[in-house]
């Protein structure tokens, strides 16, 4: 009779190889800009960096202007 609970080293080796290959394929897909998910992640990263830079510039501009004035507005003349 066949012992079904006995580990099969050939099967385990093949499954490990296939799982590694699939993991590498998915990782490469996320990095590649030639695929939808990869391009989406790159664009999201660029958008986040641009937004962070803009927010930093805005906060720096607000800190540098006197109270009651908006950045880019002209000072009032009496």
N, C-alpha and C. Protein backbone atom coordinates (compact mmCIF):
# COMPACT_ATOMS: atom_id res chain seq x y z
N UNK A 1 0.83 -1.19 0.00
CA UNK A 1 0.00 0.00 0.00
C UNK A 1 0.88 1.25 0.00
N UNK A 2 0.43 2.30 -0.63
CA UNK A 2 1.19 3.55 -0.75
C UNK A 2 0.93 4.43 0.48
N UNK A 3 2.01 4.90 1.06
CA UNK A 3 1.90 5.81 2.21
C UNK A 3 1.73 7.24 1.67
N UNK A 4 0.54 7.79 1.76
CA UNK A 4 0.23 9.12 1.20
C UNK A 4 0.79 10.26 2.05
N UNK A 5 1.14 9.98 3.30
CA UNK A 5 1.68 11.02 4.17
C UNK A 5 3.20 11.16 4.06
N UNK A 6 3.83 10.29 3.33
CA UNK A 6 5.28 10.33 3.17
C UNK A 6 5.65 11.48 2.23
N UNK A 7 6.60 12.36 2.64
CA UNK A 7 6.99 13.47 1.79
C UNK A 7 7.67 12.98 0.51
N UNK A 8 7.43 13.69 -0.56
CA UNK A 8 8.03 13.36 -1.85
C UNK A 8 9.06 14.43 -2.19
N UNK A 9 10.36 14.15 -2.08
CA UNK A 9 11.39 15.16 -2.31
C UNK A 9 11.36 15.74 -3.72
N UNK A 10 11.07 14.94 -4.71
CA UNK A 10 11.03 15.44 -6.09
C UNK A 10 9.88 16.43 -6.26
N UNK A 11 8.74 16.11 -5.70
CA UNK A 11 7.58 17.01 -5.77
C UNK A 11 7.88 18.31 -5.02
N UNK A 12 8.47 18.21 -3.82
CA UNK A 12 8.80 19.40 -3.03
C UNK A 12 9.78 20.30 -3.76
N UNK A 13 10.79 19.69 -4.40
CA UNK A 13 11.78 20.48 -5.14
C UNK A 13 11.13 21.19 -6.32
N UNK A 14 10.26 20.48 -7.05
CA UNK A 14 9.59 21.08 -8.20
C UNK A 14 8.66 22.22 -7.75
N UNK A 15 7.93 22.03 -6.67
CA UNK A 15 7.02 23.08 -6.18
C UNK A 15 7.81 24.30 -5.71
N UNK A 16 8.93 24.07 -5.03
CA UNK A 16 9.76 25.19 -4.57
C UNK A 16 10.26 26.00 -5.76
N UNK A 17 10.72 25.31 -6.78
CA UNK A 17 11.22 25.98 -7.98
C UNK A 17 10.12 26.78 -8.66
N UNK A 18 8.93 26.20 -8.77
CA UNK A 18 7.82 26.90 -9.41
C UNK A 18 7.36 28.11 -8.59
N UNK A 19 7.34 27.97 -7.28
CA UNK A 19 6.95 29.09 -6.43
C UNK A 19 7.96 30.23 -6.51
N UNK A 20 9.25 29.91 -6.52
CA UNK A 20 10.28 30.93 -6.67
C UNK A 20 10.16 31.63 -8.02
N UNK A 21 9.93 30.87 -9.06
CA UNK A 21 9.81 31.46 -10.40
C UNK A 21 8.62 32.41 -10.46
N UNK A 22 7.50 32.00 -9.87
CA UNK A 22 6.31 32.86 -9.88
C UNK A 22 6.54 34.12 -9.05
N UNK A 23 7.22 33.99 -7.91
CA UNK A 23 7.51 35.16 -7.08
C UNK A 23 8.41 36.13 -7.83
N UNK A 24 9.42 35.63 -8.52
CA UNK A 24 10.31 36.49 -9.29
C UNK A 24 9.57 37.15 -10.45
N UNK A 25 8.68 36.41 -11.10
CA UNK A 25 7.91 36.97 -12.21
C UNK A 25 7.03 38.12 -11.73
N UNK A 26 6.37 37.91 -10.58
CA UNK A 26 5.50 38.97 -10.05
C UNK A 26 6.30 40.18 -9.61
N UNK A 27 7.46 39.96 -9.01
CA UNK A 27 8.30 41.08 -8.59
C UNK A 27 8.78 41.86 -9.80
N UNK A 28 9.18 41.17 -10.85
CA UNK A 28 9.63 41.85 -12.07
C UNK A 28 8.49 42.62 -12.72
N UNK A 29 7.29 42.09 -12.66
CA UNK A 29 6.14 42.77 -13.24
C UNK A 29 5.84 44.07 -12.52
N UNK A 30 6.02 44.08 -11.19
CA UNK A 30 5.76 45.29 -10.42
C UNK A 30 6.80 46.37 -10.70
N UNK A 31 8.00 45.98 -11.06
CA UNK A 31 9.08 46.94 -11.31
C UNK A 31 9.06 47.43 -12.76
N UNK A 32 8.66 46.58 -13.68
CA UNK A 32 8.71 46.91 -15.10
C UNK A 32 7.67 47.96 -15.45
N UNK A 33 8.08 48.96 -16.21
CA UNK A 33 7.13 49.98 -16.65
C UNK A 33 6.42 49.56 -17.93
N UNK A 34 6.72 48.37 -18.43
CA UNK A 34 6.07 47.87 -19.64
C UNK A 34 4.76 47.17 -19.33
N UNK A 35 4.46 46.96 -18.05
CA UNK A 35 3.21 46.31 -17.67
C UNK A 35 2.31 47.32 -16.98
N UNK A 36 1.04 47.03 -16.94
CA UNK A 36 0.09 47.93 -16.29
C UNK A 36 0.40 48.20 -14.83
N UNK A 37 0.54 47.15 -14.01
CA UNK A 37 0.82 47.39 -12.59
C UNK A 37 2.15 48.12 -12.36
N UNK A 38 3.16 47.79 -13.14
CA UNK A 38 4.45 48.46 -12.97
C UNK A 38 4.38 49.93 -13.31
N UNK A 39 3.75 50.24 -14.43
CA UNK A 39 3.60 51.63 -14.84
C UNK A 39 2.76 52.40 -13.82
N UNK A 40 1.71 51.77 -13.33
CA UNK A 40 0.85 52.41 -12.34
C UNK A 40 1.63 52.73 -11.06
N UNK A 41 2.47 51.81 -10.61
CA UNK A 41 3.23 52.06 -9.39
C UNK A 41 4.27 53.16 -9.59
N UNK A 42 4.90 53.21 -10.76
CA UNK A 42 5.88 54.27 -11.04
C UNK A 42 5.18 55.63 -11.08
N UNK A 43 4.04 55.69 -11.75
CA UNK A 43 3.30 56.96 -11.83
C UNK A 43 2.80 57.40 -10.45
N UNK A 44 2.38 56.45 -9.64
CA UNK A 44 1.93 56.78 -8.28
C UNK A 44 3.09 57.33 -7.45
N UNK A 45 4.26 56.74 -7.61
CA UNK A 45 5.43 57.21 -6.88
C UNK A 45 5.81 58.62 -7.32
N UNK A 46 5.79 58.88 -8.62
CA UNK A 46 6.11 60.21 -9.13
C UNK A 46 5.08 61.23 -8.61
N UNK A 47 3.82 60.85 -8.62
CA UNK A 47 2.77 61.74 -8.15
C UNK A 47 2.94 62.06 -6.67
N UNK A 48 3.27 61.05 -5.87
CA UNK A 48 3.46 61.26 -4.43
C UNK A 48 4.65 62.18 -4.17
N UNK A 49 5.75 61.98 -4.91
CA UNK A 49 6.92 62.83 -4.73
C UNK A 49 6.62 64.27 -5.14
N UNK A 50 5.91 64.44 -6.24
CA UNK A 50 5.57 65.78 -6.71
C UNK A 50 4.65 66.48 -5.72
N UNK A 51 3.68 65.76 -5.20
CA UNK A 51 2.76 66.34 -4.22
C UNK A 51 3.50 66.74 -2.96
N UNK A 52 4.42 65.89 -2.50
CA UNK A 52 5.18 66.20 -1.29
C UNK A 52 6.05 67.43 -1.50
N UNK A 53 6.69 67.55 -2.67
CA UNK A 53 7.51 68.72 -2.96
C UNK A 53 6.66 69.98 -3.02
N UNK A 54 5.50 69.89 -3.64
CA UNK A 54 4.62 71.06 -3.73
C UNK A 54 4.13 71.48 -2.35
N UNK A 55 3.79 70.53 -1.51
CA UNK A 55 3.33 70.85 -0.16
C UNK A 55 4.46 71.50 0.65
N UNK A 56 5.68 71.01 0.47
CA UNK A 56 6.82 71.59 1.17
C UNK A 56 7.07 73.02 0.71
N UNK A 57 7.01 73.25 -0.60
CA UNK A 57 7.20 74.61 -1.12
C UNK A 57 6.11 75.55 -0.61
N UNK A 58 4.89 75.06 -0.57
CA UNK A 58 3.78 75.89 -0.10
C UNK A 58 3.95 76.23 1.38
N UNK A 59 4.34 75.26 2.18
CA UNK A 59 4.53 75.54 3.60
C UNK A 59 5.71 76.49 3.82
N UNK A 60 6.78 76.34 3.02
CA UNK A 60 7.91 77.26 3.11
C UNK A 60 7.49 78.67 2.71
N UNK A 61 6.68 78.78 1.66
CA UNK A 61 6.22 80.10 1.20
C UNK A 61 5.30 80.73 2.24
N UNK A 62 4.45 79.94 2.87
CA UNK A 62 3.54 80.47 3.89
C UNK A 62 4.33 80.93 5.11
N UNK A 63 5.39 80.23 5.45
CA UNK A 63 6.20 80.61 6.61
C UNK A 63 6.99 81.88 6.33
N UNK A 64 7.34 82.13 5.07
CA UNK A 64 8.16 83.29 4.72
C UNK A 64 7.33 84.56 4.52
N UNK A 65 6.03 84.46 4.33
CA UNK A 65 5.21 85.65 4.08
C UNK A 65 4.64 86.18 5.38
N UNK A 66 4.47 87.51 5.48
CA UNK A 66 3.86 88.10 6.68
C UNK A 66 2.40 87.63 6.83
N UNK A 67 1.91 87.66 8.04
CA UNK A 67 0.54 87.23 8.32
C UNK A 67 -0.45 88.11 7.55
N UNK A 68 -1.47 87.51 7.03
CA UNK A 68 -2.50 88.24 6.32
C UNK A 68 -2.25 88.36 4.82
N UNK A 69 -1.08 87.93 4.35
CA UNK A 69 -0.78 87.98 2.92
C UNK A 69 -0.73 86.58 2.37
N UNK A 70 -1.24 86.43 1.17
CA UNK A 70 -1.14 85.16 0.46
C UNK A 70 0.10 85.19 -0.40
N UNK A 71 0.75 84.02 -0.58
CA UNK A 71 1.90 83.99 -1.49
C UNK A 71 1.49 84.38 -2.89
N UNK A 72 2.26 85.26 -3.51
CA UNK A 72 1.95 85.67 -4.87
C UNK A 72 1.09 86.91 -4.96
N UNK A 73 0.52 87.36 -3.82
CA UNK A 73 -0.31 88.56 -3.88
C UNK A 73 0.57 89.79 -3.66
N UNK A 74 0.11 90.92 -4.16
CA UNK A 74 0.87 92.16 -4.02
C UNK A 74 0.55 92.81 -2.67
N UNK A 75 1.54 93.46 -2.11
CA UNK A 75 1.26 94.16 -0.85
C UNK A 75 0.31 95.33 -1.11
N UNK A 76 -0.52 95.62 -0.15
CA UNK A 76 -1.47 96.72 -0.32
C UNK A 76 -0.75 98.04 -0.17
N UNK A 77 -1.15 99.03 -0.95
CA UNK A 77 -0.52 100.36 -0.90
C UNK A 77 -1.51 101.32 -0.28
N UNK A 78 -1.02 102.18 0.63
CA UNK A 78 -1.95 103.14 1.29
C UNK A 78 -2.36 104.28 0.44
